[in-house]
Amino acid sequence: MTPHILKKMIVGTLMSGGVAVAGLGLAAPAQAGPSYWHYCPGHWEYTVPVPPGTDLSVCHWFAVTVVRAPSGPVYNFVEVDQSQVPPPAPGFPWP
């Protein structure tokens, strides 16, 4: 296996969420996917403010990703339908 092919395999693995590279015994760290945040009128349990323009009179689900920037974390919100929200991990209930 050439170094170029190995590099492509490792990069592809890192981008696909940390699946172990088959046959090499290497494991890439898992990429963090979005966190799912829930807002309902009067209930926002996060220190980051609700995205500008959010209708505060109805409930919303957001897929939130964080980008580390020199000035601090930048939170990217994408509103999603509740059907797109995965079930909670065992022992981690949704709000």
PDB file of N, CA and C in Angstrom:
ATOM      1  N   MET A   1       0.854  -1.165   0.000  1.00  0.00           N
ATOM      2  CA  MET A   1       0.000   0.000   0.000  1.00  0.00           C
ATOM      3  C   MET A   1       0.905   1.234   0.000  1.00  0.00           C
ATOM      4  N   THR A   2       0.628   2.156  -0.896  1.00  0.00           N
ATOM      5  CA  THR A   2       1.459   3.353  -1.002  1.00  0.00           C
ATOM      6  C   THR A   2       1.067   4.365   0.071  1.00  0.00           C
ATOM      7  N   PRO A   3       2.002   5.253   0.425  1.00  0.00           N
ATOM      8  CA  PRO A   3       1.664   6.273   1.416  1.00  0.00           C
ATOM      9  C   PRO A   3       0.487   7.149   0.976  1.00  0.00           C
ATOM     10  N   HIS A   4       0.358   7.405  -0.318  1.00  0.00           N
ATOM     11  CA  HIS A   4      -0.738   8.237  -0.814  1.00  0.00           C
ATOM     12  C   HIS A   4      -2.094   7.565  -0.549  1.00  0.00           C
ATOM     13  N   ILE A   5      -2.166   6.277  -0.824  1.00  0.00           N
ATOM     14  CA  ILE A   5      -3.423   5.542  -0.586  1.00  0.00           C
ATOM     15  C   ILE A   5      -3.729   5.500   0.910  1.00  0.00           C
ATOM     16  N   LEU A   6      -2.697   5.267   1.722  1.00  0.00           N
ATOM     17  CA  LEU A   6      -2.891   5.230   3.167  1.00  0.00           C
ATOM     18  C   LEU A   6      -3.407   6.572   3.674  1.00  0.00           C
ATOM     19  N   LYS A   7      -2.822   7.670   3.183  1.00  0.00           N
ATOM     20  CA  LYS A   7      -3.258   9.000   3.595  1.00  0.00           C
ATOM     21  C   LYS A   7      -4.722   9.232   3.213  1.00  0.00           C
ATOM     22  N   LYS A   8      -5.116   8.834   2.000  1.00  0.00           N
ATOM     23  CA  LYS A   8      -6.502   9.000   1.565  1.00  0.00           C
ATOM     24  C   LYS A   8      -7.449   8.190   2.447  1.00  0.00           C
ATOM     25  N   MET A   9      -7.015   6.988   2.832  1.00  0.00           N
ATOM     26  CA  MET A   9      -7.857   6.156   3.693  1.00  0.00           C
ATOM     27  C   MET A   9      -8.045   6.803   5.062  1.00  0.00           C
ATOM     28  N   ILE A  10      -6.982   7.339   5.623  1.00  0.00           N
ATOM     29  CA  ILE A  10      -7.068   7.944   6.945  1.00  0.00           C
ATOM     30  C   ILE A  10      -7.931   9.204   6.891  1.00  0.00           C
ATOM     31  N   VAL A  11      -7.717  10.041   5.886  1.00  0.00           N
ATOM     32  CA  VAL A  11      -8.528  11.256   5.751  1.00  0.00           C
ATOM     33  C   VAL A  11      -9.997  10.898   5.562  1.00  0.00           C
ATOM     34  N   GLY A  12     -10.264   9.914   4.707  1.00  0.00           N
ATOM     35  CA  GLY A  12     -11.650   9.479   4.497  1.00  0.00           C
ATOM     36  C   GLY A  12     -12.277   8.959   5.776  1.00  0.00           C
ATOM     37  N   THR A  13     -11.492   8.250   6.562  1.00  0.00           N
ATOM     38  CA  THR A  13     -11.993   7.728   7.824  1.00  0.00           C
ATOM     39  C   THR A  13     -12.301   8.852   8.802  1.00  0.00           C
ATOM     40  N   LEU A  14     -11.404   9.809   8.902  1.00  0.00           N
ATOM     41  CA  LEU A  14     -11.644  10.936   9.802  1.00  0.00           C
ATOM     42  C   LEU A  14     -12.910  11.685   9.418  1.00  0.00           C
ATOM     43  N   MET A  15     -13.136  11.846   8.136  1.00  0.00           N
ATOM     44  CA  MET A  15     -14.295  12.599   7.666  1.00  0.00           C
ATOM     45  C   MET A  15     -15.583  11.809   7.799  1.00  0.00           C
ATOM     46  N   SER A  16     -15.511  10.499   7.866  1.00  0.00           N
ATOM     47  CA  SER A  16     -16.730   9.698   7.935  1.00  0.00           C
ATOM     48  C   SER A  16     -17.156   9.380   9.362  1.00  0.00           C
ATOM     49  N   GLY A  17     -16.494   9.955  10.322  1.00  0.00           N
ATOM     50  CA  GLY A  17     -16.974   9.796  11.687  1.00  0.00           C
ATOM     51  C   GLY A  17     -16.136   8.884  12.549  1.00  0.00           C
ATOM     52  N   GLY A  18     -14.942   8.582  12.145  1.00  0.00           N
ATOM     53  CA  GLY A  18     -14.058   7.845  13.022  1.00  0.00           C
ATOM     54  C   GLY A  18     -14.177   6.344  12.944  1.00  0.00           C
ATOM     55  N   VAL A  19     -14.524   5.811  11.795  1.00  0.00           N
ATOM     56  CA  VAL A  19     -14.572   4.367  11.623  1.00  0.00           C
ATOM     57  C   VAL A  19     -13.146   3.847  11.572  1.00  0.00           C
ATOM     58  N   ALA A  20     -12.859   2.738  12.192  1.00  0.00           N
ATOM     59  CA  ALA A  20     -11.502   2.190  12.197  1.00  0.00           C
ATOM     60  C   ALA A  20     -11.085   1.839  10.783  1.00  0.00           C
ATOM     61  N   VAL A  21      -9.818   2.092  10.470  1.00  0.00           N
ATOM     62  CA  VAL A  21      -9.291   1.749   9.156  1.00  0.00           C
ATOM     63  C   VAL A  21      -9.085   0.238   9.128  1.00  0.00           C
ATOM     64  N   ALA A  22      -9.829  -0.433   8.285  1.00  0.00           N
ATOM     65  CA  ALA A  22      -9.825  -1.895   8.244  1.00  0.00           C
ATOM     66  C   ALA A  22      -8.450  -2.427   7.877  1.00  0.00           C
ATOM     67  N   GLY A  23      -8.020  -3.436   8.605  1.00  0.00           N
ATOM     68  CA  GLY A  23      -6.784  -4.130   8.277  1.00  0.00           C
ATOM     69  C   GLY A  23      -5.521  -3.433   8.750  1.00  0.00           C
ATOM     70  N   LEU A  24      -5.589  -2.231   9.244  1.00  0.00           N
ATOM     71  CA  LEU A  24      -4.393  -1.521   9.662  1.00  0.00           C
ATOM     72  C   LEU A  24      -4.273  -1.412  11.177  1.00  0.00           C
ATOM     73  N   GLY A  25      -5.340  -1.713  11.874  1.00  0.00           N
ATOM     74  CA  GLY A  25      -5.307  -1.621  13.323  1.00  0.00           C
ATOM     75  C   GLY A  25      -5.293  -0.183  13.824  1.00  0.00           C
ATOM     76  N   LEU A  26      -5.652   0.783  12.985  1.00  0.00           N
ATOM     77  CA  LEU A  26      -5.686   2.184  13.396  1.00  0.00           C
ATOM     78  C   LEU A  26      -7.130   2.599  13.594  1.00  0.00           C
ATOM     79  N   ALA A  27      -7.350   3.424  14.574  1.00  0.00           N
ATOM     80  CA  ALA A  27      -8.697   3.967  14.785  1.00  0.00           C
ATOM     81  C   ALA A  27      -8.603   5.475  14.798  1.00  0.00           C
ATOM     82  N   ALA A  28      -9.449   6.096  14.057  1.00  0.00           N
ATOM     83  CA  ALA A  28      -9.484   7.556  14.017  1.00  0.00           C
ATOM     84  C   ALA A  28     -10.465   8.048  15.067  1.00  0.00           C
ATOM     85  N   PRO A  29     -10.208   9.202  15.660  1.00  0.00           N
ATOM     86  CA  PRO A  29     -11.166   9.719  16.637  1.00  0.00           C
ATOM     87  C   PRO A  29     -12.484  10.068  15.964  1.00  0.00           C
ATOM     88  N   ALA A  30     -13.554   9.868  16.692  1.00  0.00           N
ATOM     89  CA  ALA A  30     -14.876  10.136  16.128  1.00  0.00           C
ATOM     90  C   ALA A  30     -15.077  11.637  15.944  1.00  0.00           C
ATOM     91  N   GLN A  31     -15.665  12.000  14.832  1.00  0.00           N
ATOM     92  CA  GLN A  31     -16.030  13.387  14.593  1.00  0.00           C
ATOM     93  C   GLN A  31     -17.303  13.664  15.380  1.00  0.00           C
ATOM     94  N   ALA A  32     -17.355  14.809  15.996  1.00  0.00           N
ATOM     95  CA  ALA A  32     -18.549  15.162  16.743  1.00  0.00           C
ATOM     96  C   ALA A  32     -19.639  15.586  15.770  1.00  0.00           C
ATOM     97  N   GLY A  33     -20.793  14.979  15.892  1.00  0.00           N
ATOM     98  CA  GLY A  33     -21.928  15.375  15.077  1.00  0.00           C
ATOM     99  C   GLY A  33     -22.650  16.508  15.780  1.00  0.00           C
ATOM    100  N   PRO A  34     -23.768  16.915  15.234  1.00  0.00           N
ATOM    101  CA  PRO A  34     -24.493  18.007  15.880  1.00  0.00           C
ATOM    102  C   PRO A  34     -25.096  17.572  17.210  1.00  0.00           C
ATOM    103  N   SER A  35     -25.267  18.535  18.075  1.00  0.00           N
ATOM    104  CA  SER A  35     -26.053  18.347  19.287  1.00  0.00           C
ATOM    105  C   SER A  35     -27.458  18.835  18.950  1.00  0.00           C
ATOM    106  N   TYR A  36     -28.443  18.236  19.566  1.00  0.00           N
ATOM    107  CA  TYR A  36     -29.818  18.645  19.291  1.00  0.00           C
ATOM    108  C   TYR A  36     -30.352  19.400  20.491  1.00  0.00           C
ATOM    109  N   TRP A  37     -30.709  20.659  20.249  1.00  0.00           N
ATOM    110  CA  TRP A  37     -31.179  21.543  21.304  1.00  0.00           C
ATOM    111  C   TRP A  37     -32.655  21.820  21.083  1.00  0.00           C
ATOM    112  N   HIS A  38     -33.382  21.885  22.192  1.00  0.00           N
ATOM    113  CA  HIS A  38     -34.823  22.057  22.132  1.00  0.00           C
ATOM    114  C   HIS A  38     -35.210  23.358  22.817  1.00  0.00           C
ATOM    115  N   TYR A  39     -36.067  24.122  22.178  1.00  0.00           N
ATOM    116  CA  TYR A  39     -36.607  25.343  22.769  1.00  0.00           C
ATOM    117  C   TYR A  39     -38.119  25.241  22.783  1.00  0.00           C
ATOM    118  N   CYS A  40     -38.723  25.567  23.896  1.00  0.00           N
ATOM    119  CA  CYS A  40     -40.162  25.783  23.992  1.00  0.00           C
ATOM    120  C   CYS A  40     -40.351  27.074  24.767  1.00  0.00           C
ATOM    121  N   PRO A  41     -41.456  27.767  24.543  1.00  0.00           N
ATOM    122  CA  PRO A  41     -41.648  29.063  25.200  1.00  0.00           C
ATOM    123  C   PRO A  41     -41.324  29.010  26.701  1.00  0.00           C
ATOM    124  N   GLY A  42     -40.395  29.859  27.079  1.00  0.00           N
ATOM    125  CA  GLY A  42     -40.003  29.950  28.481  1.00  0.00           C
ATOM    126  C   GLY A  42     -38.987  28.917  28.926  1.00  0.00           C
ATOM    127  N   HIS A  43     -38.567  28.009  28.059  1.00  0.00           N
ATOM    128  CA  HIS A  43     -37.640  26.940  28.443  1.00  0.00           C
ATOM    129  C   HIS A  43     -36.461  26.885  27.476  1.00  0.00           C
ATOM    130  N   TRP A  44     -35.376  27.501  27.857  1.00  0.00           N
ATOM    131  CA  TRP A  44     -34.124  27.458  27.091  1.00  0.00           C
ATOM    132  C   TRP A  44     -33.030  27.300  28.126  1.00  0.00           C
ATOM    133  N   GLU A  45     -32.456  26.108  28.219  1.00  0.00           N
ATOM    134  CA  GLU A  45     -31.530  25.780  29.298  1.00  0.00           C
ATOM    135  C   GLU A  45     -30.070  25.893  28.889  1.00  0.00           C
ATOM    136  N   TYR A  46     -29.769  26.705  27.904  1.00  0.00           N
ATOM    137  CA  TYR A  46     -28.399  26.852  27.419  1.00  0.00           C
ATOM    138  C   TYR A  46     -27.913  28.271  27.671  1.00  0.00           C
ATOM    139  N   THR A  47     -26.612  28.445  27.803  1.00  0.00           N
ATOM    140  CA  THR A  47     -26.063  29.786  28.019  1.00  0.00           C
ATOM    141  C   THR A  47     -25.947  30.562  26.713  1.00  0.00           C
ATOM    142  N   VAL A  48     -25.996  29.873  25.593  1.00  0.00           N
ATOM    143  CA  VAL A  48     -25.957  30.517  24.284  1.00  0.00           C
ATOM    144  C   VAL A  48     -27.366  31.008  23.970  1.00  0.00           C
ATOM    145  N   PRO A  49     -27.509  32.252  23.496  1.00  0.00           N
ATOM    146  CA  PRO A  49     -28.866  32.748  23.224  1.00  0.00           C
ATOM    147  C   PRO A  49     -29.547  32.026  22.060  1.00  0.00           C
ATOM    148  N   VAL A  50     -30.857  32.058  22.065  1.00  0.00           N
ATOM    149  CA  VAL A  50     -31.650  31.519  20.960  1.00  0.00           C
ATOM    150  C   VAL A  50     -31.237  32.272  19.689  1.00  0.00           C
ATOM    151  N   PRO A  51     -31.156  31.588  18.541  1.00  0.00           N
ATOM    152  CA  PRO A  51     -30.756  32.285  17.310  1.00  0.00           C
ATOM    153  C   PRO A  51     -31.663  33.475  16.995  1.00  0.00           C
ATOM    154  N   PRO A  52     -31.089  34.551  16.471  1.00  0.00           N
ATOM    155  CA  PRO A  52     -31.904  35.720  16.113  1.00  0.00           C
ATOM    156  C   PRO A  52     -33.018  35.334  15.144  1.00  0.00           C
ATOM    157  N   GLY A  53     -34.167  35.924  15.322  1.00  0.00           N
ATOM    158  CA  GLY A  53     -35.297  35.676  14.430  1.00  0.00           C
ATOM    159  C   GLY A  53     -36.134  34.470  14.803  1.00  0.00           C
ATOM    160  N   THR A  54     -35.764  33.769  15.871  1.00  0.00           N
ATOM    161  CA  THR A  54     -36.536  32.602  16.299  1.00  0.00           C
ATOM    162  C   THR A  54     -37.878  33.054  16.866  1.00  0.00           C
ATOM    163  N   ASP A  55     -38.951  32.434  16.409  1.00  0.00           N
ATOM    164  CA  ASP A  55     -40.289  32.718  16.933  1.00  0.00           C
ATOM    165  C   ASP A  55     -40.358  32.117  18.333  1.00  0.00           C
ATOM    166  N   LEU A  56     -40.361  32.962  19.345  1.00  0.00           N
ATOM    167  CA  LEU A  56     -40.329  32.500  20.729  1.00  0.00           C
ATOM    168  C   LEU A  56     -41.677  32.025  21.250  1.00  0.00           C
ATOM    169  N   SER A  57     -42.706  32.045  20.401  1.00  0.00           N
ATOM    170  CA  SER A  57     -44.036  31.621  20.847  1.00  0.00           C
ATOM    171  C   SER A  57     -44.318  30.150  20.547  1.00  0.00           C
ATOM    172  N   VAL A  58     -43.400  29.469  19.867  1.00  0.00           N
ATOM    173  CA  VAL A  58     -43.589  28.053  19.521  1.00  0.00           C
ATOM    174  C   VAL A  58     -42.318  27.265  19.840  1.00  0.00           C
ATOM    175  N   CYS A  59     -42.434  25.945  19.880  1.00  0.00           N
ATOM    176  CA  CYS A  59     -41.289  25.074  20.148  1.00  0.00           C
ATOM    177  C   CYS A  59     -40.441  24.878  18.890  1.00  0.00           C
ATOM    178  N   HIS A  60     -39.143  24.659  19.094  1.00  0.00           N
ATOM    179  CA  HIS A  60     -38.204  24.437  17.988  1.00  0.00           C
ATOM    180  C   HIS A  60     -37.183  23.377  18.389  1.00  0.00           C
ATOM    181  N   TRP A  61     -36.669  22.648  17.402  1.00  0.00           N
ATOM    182  CA  TRP A  61     -35.507  21.783  17.558  1.00  0.00           C
ATOM    183  C   TRP A  61     -34.416  22.345  16.665  1.00  0.00           C
ATOM    184  N   PHE A  62     -33.186  22.382  17.188  1.00  0.00           N
ATOM    185  CA  PHE A  62     -32.044  22.856  16.422  1.00  0.00           C
ATOM    186  C   PHE A  62     -30.944  21.800  16.434  1.00  0.00           C
ATOM    187  N   ALA A  63     -30.327  21.591  15.281  1.00  0.00           N
ATOM    188  CA  ALA A  63     -29.082  20.824  15.206  1.00  0.00           C
ATOM    189  C   ALA A  63     -27.984  21.870  15.354  1.00  0.00           C
ATOM    190  N   VAL A  64     -27.155  21.720  16.377  1.00  0.00           N
ATOM    191  CA  VAL A  64     -26.151  22.729  16.686  1.00  0.00           C
ATOM    192  C   VAL A  64     -24.760  22.130  16.553  1.00  0.00           C
ATOM    193  N   THR A  65     -23.928  22.785  15.770  1.00  0.00           N
ATOM    194  CA  THR A  65     -22.526  22.398  15.669  1.00  0.00           C
ATOM    195  C   THR A  65     -21.690  23.566  16.178  1.00  0.00           C
ATOM    196  N   VAL A  66     -20.520  23.255  16.688  1.00  0.00           N
ATOM    197  CA  VAL A  66     -19.643  24.275  17.249  1.00  0.00           C
ATOM    198  C   VAL A  66     -18.346  24.287  16.459  1.00  0.00           C
ATOM    199  N   VAL A  67     -17.937  25.485  16.069  1.00  0.00           N
ATOM    200  CA  VAL A  67     -16.662  25.677  15.387  1.00  0.00           C
ATOM    201  C   VAL A  67     -15.772  26.448  16.347  1.00  0.00           C
ATOM    202  N   ARG A  68     -14.584  25.935  16.565  1.00  0.00           N
ATOM    203  CA  ARG A  68     -13.633  26.628  17.440  1.00  0.00           C
ATOM    204  C   ARG A  68     -12.964  27.731  16.642  1.00  0.00           C
ATOM    205  N   ALA A  69     -13.088  28.953  17.102  1.00  0.00           N
ATOM    206  CA  ALA A  69     -12.491  30.105  16.440  1.00  0.00           C
ATOM    207  C   ALA A  69     -11.526  30.777  17.421  1.00  0.00           C
ATOM    208  N   PRO A  70     -10.591  31.577  16.921  1.00  0.00           N
ATOM    209  CA  PRO A  70      -9.653  32.254  17.828  1.00  0.00           C
ATOM    210  C   PRO A  70     -10.357  33.105  18.890  1.00  0.00           C
ATOM    211  N   SER A  71     -11.512  33.660  18.544  1.00  0.00           N
ATOM    212  CA  SER A  71     -12.238  34.501  19.490  1.00  0.00           C
ATOM    213  C   SER A  71     -13.141  33.694  20.422  1.00  0.00           C
ATOM    214  N   GLY A  72     -13.219  32.389  20.227  1.00  0.00           N
ATOM    215  CA  GLY A  72     -14.067  31.537  21.049  1.00  0.00           C
ATOM    216  C   GLY A  72     -14.973  30.697  20.170  1.00  0.00           C
ATOM    217  N   PRO A  73     -15.806  29.867  20.776  1.00  0.00           N
ATOM    218  CA  PRO A  73     -16.669  28.989  19.988  1.00  0.00           C
ATOM    219  C   PRO A  73     -17.731  29.771  19.212  1.00  0.00           C
ATOM    220  N   VAL A  74     -18.027  29.263  18.008  1.00  0.00           N
ATOM    221  CA  VAL A  74     -19.091  29.820  17.174  1.00  0.00           C
ATOM    222  C   VAL A  74     -20.139  28.726  17.029  1.00  0.00           C
ATOM    223  N   TYR A  75     -21.367  29.021  17.423  1.00  0.00           N
ATOM    224  CA  TYR A  75     -22.451  28.044  17.394  1.00  0.00           C
ATOM    225  C   TYR A  75     -23.258  28.223  16.112  1.00  0.00           C
ATOM    226  N   ASN A  76     -23.372  27.144  15.342  1.00  0.00           N
ATOM    227  CA  ASN A  76     -24.144  27.166  14.099  1.00  0.00           C
ATOM    228  C   ASN A  76     -25.445  26.403  14.325  1.00  0.00           C
ATOM    229  N   PHE A  77     -26.560  27.110  14.191  1.00  0.00           N
ATOM    230  CA  PHE A  77     -27.876  26.525  14.408  1.00  0.00           C
ATOM    231  C   PHE A  77     -28.550  26.239  13.076  1.00  0.00           C
ATOM    232  N   VAL A  78     -29.137  25.052  12.964  1.00  0.00           N
ATOM    233  CA  VAL A  78     -29.980  24.709  11.826  1.00  0.00           C
ATOM    234  C   VAL A  78     -31.262  24.148  12.424  1.00  0.00           C
ATOM    235  N   GLU A  79     -32.374  24.789  12.110  1.00  0.00           N
ATOM    236  CA  GLU A  79     -33.634  24.278  12.644  1.00  0.00           C
ATOM    237  C   GLU A  79     -33.982  22.979  11.930  1.00  0.00           C
ATOM    238  N   VAL A  80     -34.386  21.992  12.698  1.00  0.00           N
ATOM    239  CA  VAL A  80     -34.741  20.679  12.146  1.00  0.00           C
ATOM    240  C   VAL A  80     -36.127  20.295  12.619  1.00  0.00           C
ATOM    241  N   ASP A  81     -36.748  19.420  11.867  1.00  0.00           N
ATOM    242  CA  ASP A  81     -38.030  18.853  12.248  1.00  0.00           C
ATOM    243  C   ASP A  81     -37.776  17.829  13.353  1.00  0.00           C
ATOM    244  N   GLN A  82     -38.694  17.705  14.279  1.00  0.00           N
ATOM    245  CA  GLN A  82     -38.525  16.765  15.379  1.00  0.00           C
ATOM    246  C   GLN A  82     -38.283  15.342  14.883  1.00  0.00           C
ATOM    247  N   SER A  83     -38.805  14.986  13.714  1.00  0.00           N
ATOM    248  CA  SER A  83     -38.595  13.636  13.176  1.00  0.00           C
ATOM    249  C   SER A  83     -37.141  13.397  12.785  1.00  0.00           C
ATOM    250  N   GLN A  84     -36.348  14.459  12.630  1.00  0.00           N
ATOM    251  CA  GLN A  84     -34.935  14.327  12.276  1.00  0.00           C
ATOM    252  C   GLN A  84     -34.038  14.167  13.503  1.00  0.00           C
ATOM    253  N   VAL A  85     -34.595  14.346  14.686  1.00  0.00           N
ATOM    254  CA  VAL A  85     -33.810  14.272  15.912  1.00  0.00           C
ATOM    255  C   VAL A  85     -33.648  12.802  16.295  1.00  0.00           C
ATOM    256  N   PRO A  86     -32.400  12.342  16.447  1.00  0.00           N
ATOM    257  CA  PRO A  86     -32.201  10.931  16.802  1.00  0.00           C
ATOM    258  C   PRO A  86     -32.655  10.666  18.232  1.00  0.00           C
ATOM    259  N   PRO A  87     -32.938   9.412  18.560  1.00  0.00           N
ATOM    260  CA  PRO A  87     -33.321   9.104  19.951  1.00  0.00           C
ATOM    261  C   PRO A  87     -32.140   9.400  20.872  1.00  0.00           C
ATOM    262  N   PRO A  88     -32.404   9.717  22.122  1.00  0.00           N
ATOM    263  CA  PRO A  88     -31.315  10.017  23.052  1.00  0.00           C
ATOM    264  C   PRO A  88     -30.469   8.783  23.328  1.00  0.00           C
ATOM    265  N   ALA A  89     -29.214   9.031  23.652  1.00  0.00           N
ATOM    266  CA  ALA A  89     -28.324   7.937  24.047  1.00  0.00           C
ATOM    267  C   ALA A  89     -28.821   7.389  25.387  1.00  0.00           C
ATOM    268  N   PRO A  90     -28.587   6.112  25.659  1.00  0.00           N
ATOM    269  CA  PRO A  90     -29.008   5.544  26.942  1.00  0.00           C
ATOM    270  C   PRO A  90     -28.443   6.365  28.104  1.00  0.00           C
ATOM    271  N   GLY A  91     -29.295   6.702  29.044  1.00  0.00           N
ATOM    272  CA  GLY A  91     -28.861   7.454  30.212  1.00  0.00           C
ATOM    273  C   GLY A  91     -28.757   8.949  29.971  1.00  0.00           C
ATOM    274  N   PHE A  92     -29.183   9.432  28.791  1.00  0.00           N
ATOM    275  CA  PHE A  92     -29.101  10.859  28.478  1.00  0.00           C
ATOM    276  C   PHE A  92     -30.439  11.305  27.954  1.00  0.00           C
ATOM    277  N   PRO A  93     -31.374  11.654  28.843  1.00  0.00           N
ATOM    278  CA  PRO A  93     -32.715  12.038  28.372  1.00  0.00           C
ATOM    279  C   PRO A  93     -32.724  13.408  27.720  1.00  0.00           C
ATOM    280  N   TRP A  94     -33.593  13.582  26.762  1.00  0.00           N
ATOM    281  CA  TRP A  94     -33.771  14.903  26.159  1.00  0.00           C
ATOM    282  C   TRP A  94     -34.545  15.756  27.132  1.00  0.00           C
ATOM    283  N   PRO A  95     -34.352  17.072  27.001  1.00  0.00           N
ATOM    284  CA  PRO A  95     -35.113  17.972  27.889  1.00  0.00           C
ATOM    285  C   PRO A  95     -36.603  17.916  27.584  1.00  0.00           C
TER     286      PRO A  95
END
